Structure formats: structure tokens, C-alpha cells
Amino acid sequence: MSVQVKQSEWKKQLPQPEALVLIPEVMARKFKVIPLAVNQTTLKVAMANPTDIFALEALGTKSQKRIEALSATTEDILEAIDFNYKAYDEVAKQISGMTLTAPNVKAGGLLEEGKLDAIASTPIVQALTLIIDEAVKARASDIHLQPQEHNLRVRYRIDGTLYDMFTLPLESVNPLCSRIKIMANMNIADHHRPQDGHFSINAKGRFLDVRVGTVPTVYGEMVALRLLDKSRVNLSLSQIGFAPESLVTYEKMLKAPYGMILVSGPTGAGKTTTLYASINTLDSTQLNIITIEDPVEYRFKNINQIQVNSRADVTFAAGLRSILRLDPDVVLVGEIRDAETAGIAIQAALTGHLVLSSIHANDTAGAVMRLFDLGIEPFLVSSALIGVIAQRMVKRVCPNCGEIQIAPQLEQIAYNREMGEKQKEFLYGKGCRFCSNTGYHGRTGIFEIMALNDEMRTMLLDKDEAPKLHDLAIQQGMVTLMKDGMLKVKGGITTPAEVLRNTYITE
């Protein structure tokens, strides 16, 4: 067995299926190696440590081939393993071998005693574990199990877009749904009403909180699983996409001793992530920080978090009232949904508390108008509001396959109009195995930050003048969503098409 160590553009090679079969995924992860190609005598691999004699010996023994090792980074190797070792066939195999009988339950939907251990080793459990593992490997944020007329459609949401991954027999719907309900402590006997729950799981070495939602459809119960990676709790504001100038503005807003800061945008725009990153910048050892959320997505050390529970009458409004009696310095309200919550939050901001919250609005000025719509008086908004952030999430160009290309005419026009400069070529991903041939890998935020000054506060006192707030903020130097997006296009982070797709409504 001999070894050849050299640098190579191995990432441009698609591993041969015959090579992947020779080295199991468990061994590949243990030695941080990805098989690339095989012939009669040699197995070519990429390794994080191509001088590891013990690893080379084990690989050679397992494959019965001479090993030719190429050098690669650990990160690249792990990404290649995630992409190339798919277990979809194994999922189908586990499903085909399962017993399609529902577990026995007591009245009230509770599982009979003594059944949990037996169920834990069944093929349906192994199949569900594989489905979640594959989602983690694919960087999915959500898993959708959608029963159709003839099969069960399994879809992953990756970088904000849903992809069909594979299908399973329709007979697998009830067993899979029952298993998920058991894990989420839901009523497995009730198939006629929507339910929600959550559970935690260790998938591929990552600790995940999984939020579960079910709803009955004409072909069976549809299930949505939201995968919440606990490692994302430690994200900083700079990591989620704030430009240096915008970051300075926002951090100055966060240093205010009292007042309200709102984060606006549609569902999936990353508002909660921004609020959590904001909390991370505050000193939790000297401040009493209390949150009320629905649901509590991530747990923080030294921060007191309250879960909304409508059955126990713990709503945003009721919880917020209770929080104000607990001597808080900073209050995070998950979302302002109604007039009562908005009114209490405004009063909290006026009585010496820093209040952070999210609100559904298209842009910064729209968030202010939303407060008016909820019945908050203009003079209260003017006095309490520190500033507003509007944001969206855009896909990042894949760093492995990005290359300069001539943009379509519409994208050139949009860029030229927003930036005031002509440019025909931008960075686009052509598609590779690391980005699942989408051209994108990961997402980042684009932001519009409006920090209120005296002139803006005066304008807010007159409801008729308030709609002009956005134009005034732009005149005073505010970077719009579209402008921030195009700046990221100029930096090679995203594409004009992504910016237009996410901001055209407000521009």
C-alpha cells in the first residue's frame, strides 16, 4: 500500500458510486475522508490528514486497494460526506420492513406502559431517524411529510426553498405520524384535529430542538418539523449580515437605557435570529433580561425565558404585565400581534425599560404605521420608539462554484438604478455537489435601519405626515433593503435576482 500526498482540485470531481461503496459513512466520518475514484488496484481519496498511517491502513484493509491520498480541509471533507452519503434508499428499506399496525393506546391518547422500549427498535423509528439525519446533512431548516393520493411526499426546506427529496408508500403515513407524536408528547389517538409539540434529538452530532405541527388532510395527517440547531444561538450581529456601518448604527440603538426597538419583516425573514443576536450583545450578568416568546426557540444562559401558554392564560399581553412586576432591565417580546400587547410594550418602553420586539410589516415606515393601526397614539410612538429594522433573507452564492457571468438585462437595470453605476457581470453559482446544483449555499440578511431623530419624531406626531417618514429617512442617509442587497451583490455575496425576489414588494 503506497500513499501519494498532493494538493488537488478534487472538489470539482464527483465521487464515483463504486468508490463510495468501498468506504462506509461511519468510517469516512471517523477518518475524515471522502472516496473519489477507484480502479482495479487503486482507491483515490481526499483526506483531512493524508499522512495518518493508521487511517490509511484501515482504509486499505477495508477497500483491499492501494490508497492514493489527496489533501483537503476538514470542513470540505465533512460537507462532501454530507452530500454524497445519501440514505434515501435505506429509508425506503426500513419502511418496507415495518409493521403497519398502530401502537396500542389508552384513553386520552397515551401509549400503553411497556411499549416505548419495543417501539424504539422498530424499522419506523430507524426510518424517521434517517429522515432527520438526511435533513441535517442537507442543511434543511424544515421537513415536510405530505400525504398525496398514492404516496407520502418528503420535502426539505433548504436555504428558504422547498425541494422534493423522495417519496414513501402511503401506508407509512400513520406509523411515521404516530412515532413523531410519541416523541413530541402529543395525542396519538387524535387524527382529526391539528396538534403541535416539540422534542429534542441528537442528529449527526448536532443537538436539535424540533418543533412539530400536524394537521389532517384528505389523504392523511400532514406533518411539518422545524429543525432548530442549538449552535445558532451564539450568532453575532456581524455573522447574520449587518454591514459595518449598519452595525454601528444598530449597536448604538441597543445601548439606549430605555425605549422600543422593532424588527419587521414577513415570516421567515430572520426576525427572531436578529432579536437573539441582539440579546447576545447585552451584558446578561448585570442586566435582568426577560423574554416572552411563542415558542421559545432557543435557550439562553442567564436569561429568563417565558413560553406563551394560552391554556394557562399566559398570552403576550398577560405575560408582559407579569414581567413588568419582576424588575426587568430588558424585555424581549416575541411578536406584537394585537393592540393590547402593543399598548403594554409601549408603556414599558416609556417607564424605563428597553423593549425589543418583532412586528409584521414590509419596511421600517410600515412598522410605524402598523403601531398606528393597532391604536397607539402618535405622541406615544414618537416618545417610545428608538428605531426600526426591516429585513429579509437572501441566498448566498456558493463559494465552490461561483463564477463571473453576464447578468440578464433586467438585473443589470435594477443594479444600475439602485447603485448609480453600470455593471454587466456579477458572481453566480453554476451549481455543484456542495450546493446540490442550486448555485447557492447558505443565507444572509439584508437590512434597512431607521434610527429616529428629532425631525422624524416631530413628523410622527402628525398621522398625515407619517407616510412620508420613509422618504425623509432616505434623504438623511438610510440604506434601503434594495440598496443593502445590491451592496452585497457588489461584494459577491448574493445575486441581483435574489435581491429583486425578496425586495420588489417594498421598492
Protein backbone atom coordinates (compact mmCIF):
# COMPACT_ATOMS: atom_id res chain seq x y z
CA MET A 1 0.00 0.00 0.00
CA SER A 2 1.53 3.32 -1.04
CA VAL A 3 0.49 6.89 -0.44
CA GLN A 4 0.61 9.89 -2.73
CA VAL A 5 0.11 13.24 -0.98
CA LYS A 6 -0.62 16.28 -3.08
CA GLN A 7 -2.90 19.27 -3.36
CA SER A 8 -5.68 18.84 -5.88
CA GLU A 9 -8.82 20.41 -7.26
CA TRP A 10 -10.64 17.34 -6.00
CA LYS A 11 -13.79 19.31 -5.21
CA LYS A 12 -14.56 19.53 -8.92
CA GLN A 13 -14.68 15.73 -9.11
CA LEU A 14 -17.92 13.90 -8.45
CA PRO A 15 -17.13 10.79 -6.38
CA GLN A 16 -17.79 7.55 -8.21
CA PRO A 17 -20.60 5.47 -6.65
CA GLU A 18 -18.28 2.46 -6.86
CA ALA A 19 -15.73 4.29 -4.70
CA LEU A 20 -18.29 5.40 -2.12
CA VAL A 21 -19.47 1.81 -1.65
CA LEU A 22 -15.98 0.72 -0.58
CA ILE A 23 -15.82 3.04 2.45
CA PRO A 24 -18.86 3.18 4.80
CA GLU A 25 -20.08 6.55 6.00
CA VAL A 26 -19.13 5.77 9.61
CA MET A 27 -15.51 5.14 8.60
CA ALA A 28 -15.48 8.19 6.33
CA ARG A 29 -16.54 10.43 9.20
CA LYS A 30 -14.14 8.79 11.66
CA PHE A 31 -11.08 9.36 9.46
CA LYS A 32 -12.42 12.50 7.69
CA VAL A 33 -12.04 11.03 4.22
CA ILE A 34 -14.13 11.05 1.04
CA PRO A 35 -13.58 8.36 -1.66
CA LEU A 36 -13.25 9.87 -5.13
CA ALA A 37 -12.41 7.20 -7.71
CA VAL A 38 -11.45 3.56 -7.92
CA ASN A 39 -9.82 1.27 -10.48
CA GLN A 40 -8.60 -2.30 -10.33
CA THR A 41 -5.76 -1.55 -7.94
CA THR A 42 -6.13 1.96 -6.50
CA LEU A 43 -8.69 3.91 -4.45
CA LYS A 44 -8.25 7.68 -4.69
CA VAL A 45 -9.46 9.59 -1.63
CA ALA A 46 -9.36 13.13 -0.25
CA MET A 47 -8.33 13.33 3.40
CA ALA A 48 -8.00 15.99 6.08
CA ASN A 49 -4.79 14.28 7.24
CA PRO A 50 -3.27 12.28 4.36
CA THR A 51 -0.23 11.37 6.49
CA ASP A 52 -2.29 9.46 9.07
CA ILE A 53 -0.75 5.99 8.74
CA PHE A 54 -3.38 4.29 10.89
CA ALA A 55 -6.22 5.75 8.82
CA LEU A 56 -4.54 4.75 5.57
CA GLU A 57 -4.00 1.23 6.88
CA ALA A 58 -7.66 0.91 7.88
CA LEU A 59 -8.87 2.27 4.54
CA GLY A 60 -6.61 -0.06 2.61
CA THR A 61 -7.75 -3.07 4.63
CA LYS A 62 -11.43 -2.19 4.20
CA SER A 63 -11.23 -1.50 0.45
CA GLN A 64 -8.50 -4.01 -0.42
CA LYS A 65 -6.97 -1.30 -2.61
CA ARG A 66 -3.83 0.82 -2.68
CA ILE A 67 -4.73 4.26 -1.27
CA GLU A 68 -3.86 7.45 -3.15
CA ALA A 69 -4.48 10.33 -0.74
CA LEU A 70 -5.11 13.97 -1.67
CA SER A 71 -5.03 16.82 0.84
CA ALA A 72 -8.24 18.67 1.76
CA THR A 73 -9.67 20.73 4.63
CA THR A 74 -11.78 19.10 7.31
CA GLU A 75 -14.72 21.38 6.51
CA ASP A 76 -14.67 20.45 2.83
CA ILE A 77 -14.46 16.75 3.66
CA LEU A 78 -17.44 16.87 6.04
CA GLU A 79 -19.53 18.77 3.51
CA ALA A 80 -18.66 16.22 0.84
CA ILE A 81 -19.63 13.37 3.17
CA ASP A 82 -22.96 15.04 3.95
CA PHE A 83 -23.75 15.46 0.28
CA ASN A 84 -22.57 12.13 -1.12
CA TYR A 85 -23.62 9.62 1.51
CA LYS A 86 -27.37 9.67 1.00
CA ALA A 87 -29.59 7.26 2.90
CA TYR A 88 -32.82 7.64 0.92
CA ASP A 89 -32.71 4.02 -0.23
CA GLU A 90 -32.13 2.94 3.34
CA VAL A 91 -35.21 4.91 4.45
CA ALA A 92 -37.34 3.07 1.89
CA LYS A 93 -35.79 -0.23 3.03
CA GLN A 94 -36.71 0.42 6.65
CA ILE A 95 -40.24 1.45 5.67
CA SER A 96 -40.74 -1.71 3.59
CA GLY A 97 -39.77 -3.86 6.56
CA MET A 98 -42.00 -2.20 9.14
CA THR A 99 -45.22 -3.44 10.67
CA LEU A 100 -48.06 -1.20 9.59
CA THR A 101 -50.09 -1.55 12.78
CA ALA A 102 -50.59 1.41 15.07
CA PRO A 103 -49.36 1.11 18.66
CA ASN A 104 -51.92 0.38 21.36
CA VAL A 105 -53.01 3.45 23.26
CA LYS A 106 -55.05 4.13 26.36
CA ALA A 107 -57.93 6.54 26.57
CA GLY A 108 -56.61 10.05 26.13
CA GLY A 109 -54.05 9.03 23.53
CA LEU A 110 -51.32 7.84 25.90
CA LEU A 111 -49.13 4.91 24.94
CA GLU A 112 -49.57 1.71 26.94
CA GLU A 113 -46.90 1.12 29.58
CA GLY A 114 -44.05 -1.10 28.48
CA LYS A 115 -44.45 -0.26 24.78
CA LEU A 116 -41.82 2.50 24.47
CA ASP A 117 -38.80 0.18 24.55
CA ALA A 118 -40.35 -2.14 21.98
CA ILE A 119 -41.19 0.71 19.62
CA ALA A 120 -37.72 2.26 19.92
CA SER A 121 -36.14 -0.56 17.92
CA THR A 122 -38.74 -0.82 15.15
CA PRO A 123 -38.00 -0.03 11.49
CA ILE A 124 -40.29 3.02 11.58
CA VAL A 125 -38.12 4.59 14.30
CA GLN A 126 -34.99 3.91 12.29
CA ALA A 127 -36.64 5.34 9.18
CA LEU A 128 -37.60 8.57 10.97
CA THR A 129 -34.09 8.88 12.38
CA LEU A 130 -32.67 8.53 8.86
CA ILE A 131 -35.10 11.16 7.51
CA ILE A 132 -33.96 13.65 10.17
CA ASP A 133 -30.28 12.76 9.72
CA GLU A 134 -30.51 13.33 5.97
CA ALA A 135 -32.22 16.68 6.56
CA VAL A 136 -29.38 17.76 8.84
CA LYS A 137 -26.81 16.70 6.26
CA ALA A 138 -28.69 18.67 3.60
CA ARG A 139 -28.73 21.81 5.83
CA ALA A 140 -32.55 21.75 5.89
CA SER A 141 -34.46 24.02 8.27
CA ASP A 142 -37.76 22.15 7.87
CA ILE A 143 -39.02 18.68 6.99
CA HIS A 144 -42.44 18.30 5.38
CA LEU A 145 -44.24 14.95 5.30
CA GLN A 146 -47.14 15.49 2.91
CA PRO A 147 -49.51 12.58 2.10
CA GLN A 148 -50.68 12.50 -1.52
CA GLU A 149 -53.16 10.26 -3.31
CA HIS A 150 -50.70 7.42 -3.94
CA ASN A 151 -47.62 8.15 -1.77
CA LEU A 152 -46.04 10.17 1.02
CA ARG A 153 -44.11 13.17 -0.28
CA VAL A 154 -40.98 14.02 1.76
CA ARG A 155 -39.68 17.55 1.24
CA TYR A 156 -36.83 19.56 2.79
CA ARG A 157 -36.65 23.34 3.01
CA ILE A 158 -33.06 24.30 2.22
CA ASP A 159 -31.98 27.96 2.21
CA GLY A 160 -35.62 29.00 2.26
CA THR A 161 -36.72 26.89 -0.74
CA LEU A 162 -38.66 23.61 -0.63
CA TYR A 163 -37.22 20.63 -2.51
CA ASP A 164 -38.80 17.23 -3.18
CA MET A 165 -36.34 14.67 -1.81
CA PHE A 166 -38.05 11.28 -2.13
CA THR A 167 -41.40 9.52 -1.77
CA LEU A 168 -42.54 6.71 0.53
CA PRO A 169 -45.53 4.35 0.41
CA LEU A 170 -48.80 5.92 1.56
CA GLU A 171 -49.09 3.18 4.19
CA SER A 172 -46.15 4.76 6.06
CA VAL A 173 -48.11 7.94 6.91
CA ASN A 174 -49.84 6.72 10.08
CA PRO A 175 -46.84 4.89 11.62
CA LEU A 176 -44.49 7.83 10.97
CA CYS A 177 -47.02 10.32 12.32
CA SER A 178 -47.62 8.17 15.43
CA ARG A 179 -43.90 7.92 16.10
CA ILE A 180 -43.46 11.70 15.81
CA LYS A 181 -46.42 12.27 18.15
CA ILE A 182 -44.93 9.92 20.73
CA MET A 183 -41.63 11.82 20.66
CA ALA A 184 -43.42 15.20 20.89
CA ASN A 185 -45.75 14.06 23.71
CA MET A 186 -48.85 14.57 21.56
CA ASN A 187 -52.13 12.64 21.44
CA ILE A 188 -51.52 9.79 19.01
CA ALA A 189 -55.18 8.70 19.07
CA ASP A 190 -56.45 12.03 17.72
CA HIS A 191 -56.19 12.18 13.93
CA HIS A 192 -58.90 14.79 13.34
CA ARG A 193 -57.56 17.97 14.96
CA PRO A 194 -54.38 19.99 14.44
CA GLN A 195 -51.73 19.48 17.13
CA ASP A 196 -48.34 20.88 17.99
CA GLY A 197 -45.45 19.81 20.18
CA HIS A 198 -41.69 19.57 20.33
CA PHE A 199 -38.82 17.22 21.16
CA SER A 200 -35.02 17.22 21.23
CA ILE A 201 -32.72 14.91 19.30
CA ASN A 202 -29.04 14.35 18.59
CA ALA A 203 -28.62 14.12 14.82
CA LYS A 204 -25.16 13.65 13.30
CA GLY A 205 -23.52 15.11 16.39
CA ARG A 206 -25.77 18.19 16.44
CA PHE A 207 -28.25 18.83 19.24
CA LEU A 208 -31.55 19.92 17.73
CA ASP A 209 -34.82 21.15 19.13
CA VAL A 210 -37.60 20.00 16.80
CA ARG A 211 -40.93 21.83 16.65
CA VAL A 212 -43.77 19.67 15.39
CA GLY A 213 -47.06 20.64 13.77
CA THR A 214 -49.70 18.25 12.41
CA VAL A 215 -52.94 18.85 10.55
CA PRO A 216 -55.39 16.39 8.95
CA THR A 217 -55.72 16.38 5.15
CA VAL A 218 -57.91 14.32 2.82
CA TYR A 219 -55.13 11.74 2.39
CA GLY A 220 -53.89 11.61 5.99
CA GLU A 221 -52.09 13.76 8.52
CA MET A 222 -49.56 16.24 7.20
CA VAL A 223 -46.55 16.86 9.46
CA ALA A 224 -44.08 19.75 9.50
CA LEU A 225 -40.87 19.54 11.53
CA ARG A 226 -38.86 22.72 12.22
CA LEU A 227 -35.22 21.90 12.99
CA LEU A 228 -33.67 24.37 15.41
CA ASP A 229 -29.89 24.00 15.64
CA LYS A 230 -28.78 24.99 19.15
CA SER A 231 -25.36 26.06 17.81
CA ARG A 232 -27.04 29.03 16.10
CA VAL A 233 -27.75 30.61 19.49
CA ASN A 234 -24.28 32.13 19.57
CA LEU A 235 -24.58 34.01 16.28
CA SER A 236 -23.39 37.61 16.43
CA LEU A 237 -24.90 40.57 14.60
CA SER A 238 -21.98 40.69 12.15
CA GLN A 239 -22.47 36.99 11.31
CA ILE A 240 -26.10 37.44 10.25
CA GLY A 241 -25.28 40.04 7.62
CA PHE A 242 -25.05 43.52 9.14
CA ALA A 243 -22.71 45.78 7.17
CA PRO A 244 -20.10 47.59 9.32
CA GLU A 245 -21.84 51.00 9.06
CA SER A 246 -25.26 49.49 9.80
CA LEU A 247 -23.83 47.54 12.72
CA VAL A 248 -22.50 50.72 14.31
CA THR A 249 -25.94 52.35 13.99
CA TYR A 250 -27.78 49.37 15.45
CA GLU A 251 -25.37 48.82 18.34
CA LYS A 252 -25.82 52.48 19.26
CA MET A 253 -29.59 51.88 19.38
CA LEU A 254 -29.07 48.87 21.66
CA LYS A 255 -27.12 50.99 24.15
CA ALA A 256 -30.19 53.12 24.90
CA PRO A 257 -31.27 52.62 28.54
CA TYR A 258 -34.98 52.57 27.65
CA GLY A 259 -37.28 52.75 24.65
CA MET A 260 -38.51 50.35 21.97
CA ILE A 261 -36.69 48.73 19.04
CA LEU A 262 -38.78 46.90 16.45
CA VAL A 263 -37.65 44.30 13.90
CA SER A 264 -40.05 43.99 10.96
CA GLY A 265 -40.43 41.65 8.03
CA PRO A 266 -42.56 38.76 6.77
CA THR A 267 -42.50 35.23 8.19
CA GLY A 268 -39.12 33.59 7.55
CA ALA A 269 -37.24 36.88 7.23
CA GLY A 270 -34.98 36.08 10.19
CA LYS A 271 -36.52 38.44 12.76
CA THR A 272 -36.12 36.04 15.68
CA THR A 273 -32.48 35.38 14.77
CA THR A 274 -31.80 39.14 14.82
CA LEU A 275 -33.51 39.53 18.19
CA TYR A 276 -31.48 36.65 19.65
CA ALA A 277 -28.24 38.07 18.25
CA SER A 278 -29.19 41.42 19.81
CA ILE A 279 -29.71 39.76 23.19
CA ASN A 280 -26.28 38.17 22.85
CA THR A 281 -24.66 41.62 22.69
CA LEU A 282 -26.16 42.70 26.03
CA ASP A 283 -24.49 42.00 29.37
CA SER A 284 -26.78 39.42 30.96
CA THR A 285 -24.71 39.37 34.17
CA GLN A 286 -25.54 42.99 35.02
CA LEU A 287 -28.97 43.24 33.40
CA ASN A 288 -32.20 41.43 34.21
CA ILE A 289 -33.27 40.23 30.76
CA ILE A 290 -36.68 38.57 30.45
CA THR A 291 -38.30 37.28 27.27
CA ILE A 292 -41.80 36.10 26.40
CA GLU A 293 -41.93 34.03 23.24
CA ASP A 294 -44.21 31.77 21.24
CA PRO A 295 -42.47 29.41 21.04
CA VAL A 296 -39.16 29.64 22.88
CA GLU A 297 -36.92 28.53 20.01
CA TYR A 298 -33.54 28.59 21.76
CA ARG A 299 -32.45 28.53 25.39
CA PHE A 300 -30.05 31.17 26.70
CA LYS A 301 -27.81 31.13 29.74
CA ASN A 302 -28.52 33.85 32.34
CA ILE A 303 -31.68 34.97 30.54
CA ASN A 304 -35.20 34.31 31.85
CA GLN A 305 -37.46 33.00 29.10
CA ILE A 306 -41.23 32.59 29.30
CA GLN A 307 -43.29 30.40 26.96
CA VAL A 308 -46.70 31.65 25.83
CA ASN A 309 -49.36 29.20 27.02
CA SER A 310 -52.90 30.14 26.04
CA ARG A 311 -54.37 27.24 28.07
CA ALA A 312 -52.89 28.76 31.22
CA ASP A 313 -53.85 32.30 30.11
CA VAL A 314 -50.17 33.19 29.58
CA THR A 315 -50.54 35.37 26.49
CA PHE A 316 -48.13 38.01 25.23
CA ALA A 317 -50.17 40.72 26.94
CA ALA A 318 -50.68 38.87 30.25
CA GLY A 319 -47.08 37.68 30.34
CA LEU A 320 -45.80 41.16 29.61
CA ARG A 321 -47.82 42.59 32.51
CA SER A 322 -46.28 40.00 34.83
CA ILE A 323 -42.76 40.68 33.53
CA LEU A 324 -43.04 44.37 34.39
CA ARG A 325 -43.53 43.41 38.07
CA LEU A 326 -40.25 41.46 38.07
CA ASP A 327 -37.89 44.45 37.86
CA PRO A 328 -36.60 43.83 34.29
CA ASP A 329 -33.99 45.95 32.53
CA VAL A 330 -34.55 44.46 29.07
CA VAL A 331 -37.76 42.84 27.79
CA LEU A 332 -37.96 40.82 24.59
CA VAL A 333 -41.49 40.32 23.25
CA GLY A 334 -41.54 37.61 20.57
CA GLU A 335 -44.12 39.39 18.46
CA ILE A 336 -46.55 42.31 18.73
CA ARG A 337 -49.77 40.81 17.37
CA ASP A 338 -52.58 42.84 18.92
CA ALA A 339 -53.46 46.24 20.36
CA GLU A 340 -53.21 45.11 23.99
CA THR A 341 -49.67 43.78 23.62
CA ALA A 342 -48.63 46.87 21.66
CA GLY A 343 -50.03 49.20 24.34
CA ILE A 344 -48.30 47.41 27.23
CA ALA A 345 -44.99 47.26 25.30
CA ILE A 346 -45.13 50.99 24.59
CA GLN A 347 -45.84 51.76 28.26
CA ALA A 348 -42.93 49.53 29.28
CA ALA A 349 -40.63 51.43 26.91
CA LEU A 350 -41.78 54.74 28.38
CA THR A 351 -41.27 53.67 32.00
CA GLY A 352 -37.58 52.86 31.90
CA HIS A 353 -37.28 49.52 30.10
CA LEU A 354 -35.54 48.59 26.86
CA VAL A 355 -38.11 46.66 24.83
CA LEU A 356 -37.18 44.55 21.79
CA SER A 357 -39.88 43.01 19.63
CA SER A 358 -40.84 41.90 16.13
CA ILE A 359 -43.80 43.06 14.06
CA HIS A 360 -45.13 42.09 10.65
CA ALA A 361 -44.57 44.96 8.20
CA ASN A 362 -42.92 45.37 4.82
CA ASP A 363 -40.45 48.11 5.71
CA THR A 364 -39.37 50.42 8.52
CA ALA A 365 -42.06 53.05 7.94
CA GLY A 366 -44.65 50.29 7.59
CA ALA A 367 -43.82 49.08 11.11
CA VAL A 368 -44.62 52.55 12.48
CA MET A 369 -47.91 52.66 10.57
CA ARG A 370 -48.74 49.22 11.97
CA LEU A 371 -48.50 50.63 15.50
CA PHE A 372 -50.93 53.36 14.48
CA ASP A 373 -53.28 50.72 13.07
CA LEU A 374 -53.18 48.94 16.45
CA GLY A 375 -54.47 52.11 18.10
CA ILE A 376 -51.26 53.51 19.60
CA GLU A 377 -51.36 57.30 19.77
CA PRO A 378 -48.77 59.11 17.61
CA PHE A 379 -47.26 61.00 20.57
CA LEU A 380 -46.64 57.69 22.39
CA VAL A 381 -44.95 56.16 19.33
CA SER A 382 -42.85 59.28 18.88
CA SER A 383 -41.73 59.22 22.52
CA ALA A 384 -41.10 55.48 22.91
CA LEU A 385 -39.61 54.35 19.61
CA ILE A 386 -35.81 54.28 19.32
CA GLY A 387 -35.69 52.80 15.82
CA VAL A 388 -36.93 50.15 13.43
CA ILE A 389 -35.17 47.45 11.42
CA ALA A 390 -36.68 45.88 8.29
CA GLN A 391 -35.00 42.74 7.00
CA ARG A 392 -35.10 39.87 4.52
CA MET A 393 -33.05 36.72 3.97
CA VAL A 394 -31.24 36.19 0.67
CA LYS A 395 -29.28 33.18 -0.54
CA ARG A 396 -25.50 33.30 -0.67
CA VAL A 397 -23.67 32.45 -3.89
CA CYS A 398 -22.00 29.05 -3.49
CA PRO A 399 -18.29 29.69 -2.76
CA ASN A 400 -17.26 26.47 -4.52
CA CYS A 401 -18.85 27.05 -7.93
CA GLY A 402 -19.29 30.83 -8.08
CA GLU A 403 -18.01 32.43 -11.29
CA ILE A 404 -18.40 35.80 -13.03
CA GLN A 405 -21.16 35.81 -15.64
CA ILE A 406 -23.03 38.39 -17.70
CA ALA A 407 -26.29 39.19 -15.93
CA PRO A 408 -29.74 39.29 -17.61
CA GLN A 409 -30.77 42.75 -18.79
CA LEU A 410 -33.40 43.20 -16.06
CA GLU A 411 -30.85 42.52 -13.31
CA GLN A 412 -28.38 44.94 -14.86
CA ILE A 413 -31.03 47.68 -14.97
CA ALA A 414 -32.04 47.09 -11.35
CA TYR A 415 -28.44 47.21 -10.17
CA ASN A 416 -27.59 50.30 -12.21
CA ARG A 417 -30.68 52.17 -10.99
CA GLU A 418 -30.02 51.40 -7.32
CA MET A 419 -26.24 51.83 -7.27
CA GLY A 420 -25.88 54.61 -9.82
CA GLU A 421 -23.18 52.72 -11.69
CA LYS A 422 -23.18 50.40 -14.66
CA GLN A 423 -22.11 46.83 -14.27
CA LYS A 424 -22.90 43.89 -16.54
CA GLU A 425 -21.15 40.98 -14.82
CA PHE A 426 -21.83 39.50 -11.40
CA LEU A 427 -20.92 36.40 -9.41
CA TYR A 428 -23.28 33.47 -9.98
CA GLY A 429 -23.08 29.87 -8.82
CA LYS A 430 -23.18 27.45 -11.74
CA GLY A 431 -24.16 24.53 -9.48
CA CYS A 432 -22.06 21.81 -7.87
CA ARG A 433 -22.40 18.93 -5.46
CA PHE A 434 -21.80 21.15 -2.42
CA CYS A 435 -24.82 23.34 -3.19
CA SER A 436 -26.98 20.50 -4.58
CA ASN A 437 -26.65 22.12 -8.02
CA THR A 438 -28.63 25.19 -6.91
CA GLY A 439 -25.75 27.70 -7.16
CA TYR A 440 -26.44 28.88 -3.60
CA HIS A 441 -25.11 27.78 -0.23
CA GLY A 442 -26.47 29.32 2.97
CA ARG A 443 -28.27 32.62 3.54
CA THR A 444 -27.53 36.07 4.89
CA GLY A 445 -29.65 39.05 5.90
CA ILE A 446 -30.22 42.35 4.18
CA PHE A 447 -31.28 45.20 6.42
CA GLU A 448 -32.90 48.62 6.45
CA ILE A 449 -32.21 50.50 9.69
CA MET A 450 -34.13 53.63 10.64
CA ALA A 451 -32.86 55.31 13.81
CA LEU A 452 -35.32 58.02 14.79
CA ASN A 453 -34.07 61.59 15.24
CA ASP A 454 -35.87 64.76 16.38
CA GLU A 455 -37.10 65.66 12.89
CA MET A 456 -38.60 62.17 12.42
CA ARG A 457 -40.25 62.27 15.86
CA THR A 458 -41.86 65.59 15.01
CA MET A 459 -43.18 64.13 11.76
CA LEU A 460 -44.66 61.17 13.65
CA LEU A 461 -46.85 63.49 15.72
CA ASP A 462 -48.99 64.08 12.63
CA LYS A 463 -50.54 60.90 11.22
CA ASP A 464 -51.00 62.57 7.83
CA GLU A 465 -47.27 63.27 7.61
CA ALA A 466 -46.17 59.84 8.87
CA PRO A 467 -46.33 58.14 5.42
CA LYS A 468 -43.51 60.49 4.32
CA LEU A 469 -41.24 59.08 7.04
CA HIS A 470 -39.56 56.60 4.70
CA ASP A 471 -38.59 59.27 2.19
CA LEU A 472 -37.23 61.52 4.95
CA ALA A 473 -35.11 58.68 6.34
CA ILE A 474 -33.63 58.01 2.88
CA GLN A 475 -32.81 61.72 2.47
CA GLN A 476 -30.96 61.56 5.77
CA GLY A 477 -28.84 58.61 4.65
CA MET A 478 -30.82 55.45 5.47
CA VAL A 479 -29.74 52.45 3.37
CA THR A 480 -32.85 50.74 1.98
CA LEU A 481 -33.38 47.00 1.71
CA MET A 482 -32.76 47.15 -2.03
CA LYS A 483 -29.59 49.21 -1.60
CA ASP A 484 -28.19 46.92 1.11
CA GLY A 485 -28.96 43.93 -1.11
CA MET A 486 -27.19 45.44 -4.11
CA LEU A 487 -24.18 46.28 -1.93
CA LYS A 488 -23.99 42.59 -1.12
CA VAL A 489 -24.26 41.85 -4.85
CA LYS A 490 -21.29 44.15 -5.43
CA GLY A 491 -19.40 42.22 -2.75
CA GLY A 492 -20.09 38.89 -4.48
CA ILE A 493 -22.26 37.63 -1.62
CA THR A 494 -25.57 37.22 -3.46
CA THR A 495 -27.13 37.83 -6.89
CA PRO A 496 -29.35 40.63 -8.24
CA ALA A 497 -32.10 38.06 -8.85
CA GLU A 498 -32.15 37.13 -5.15
CA VAL A 499 -32.35 40.77 -4.08
CA LEU A 500 -35.18 41.50 -6.51
CA ARG A 501 -37.07 38.38 -5.43
CA ASN A 502 -37.02 39.47 -1.80
CA THR A 503 -37.41 43.25 -2.01
CA TYR A 504 -39.52 44.15 -5.03
CA ILE A 505 -42.70 44.38 -2.93
CA THR A 506 -41.40 47.36 -0.97
CA GLU A 507 -39.43 49.08 -3.68
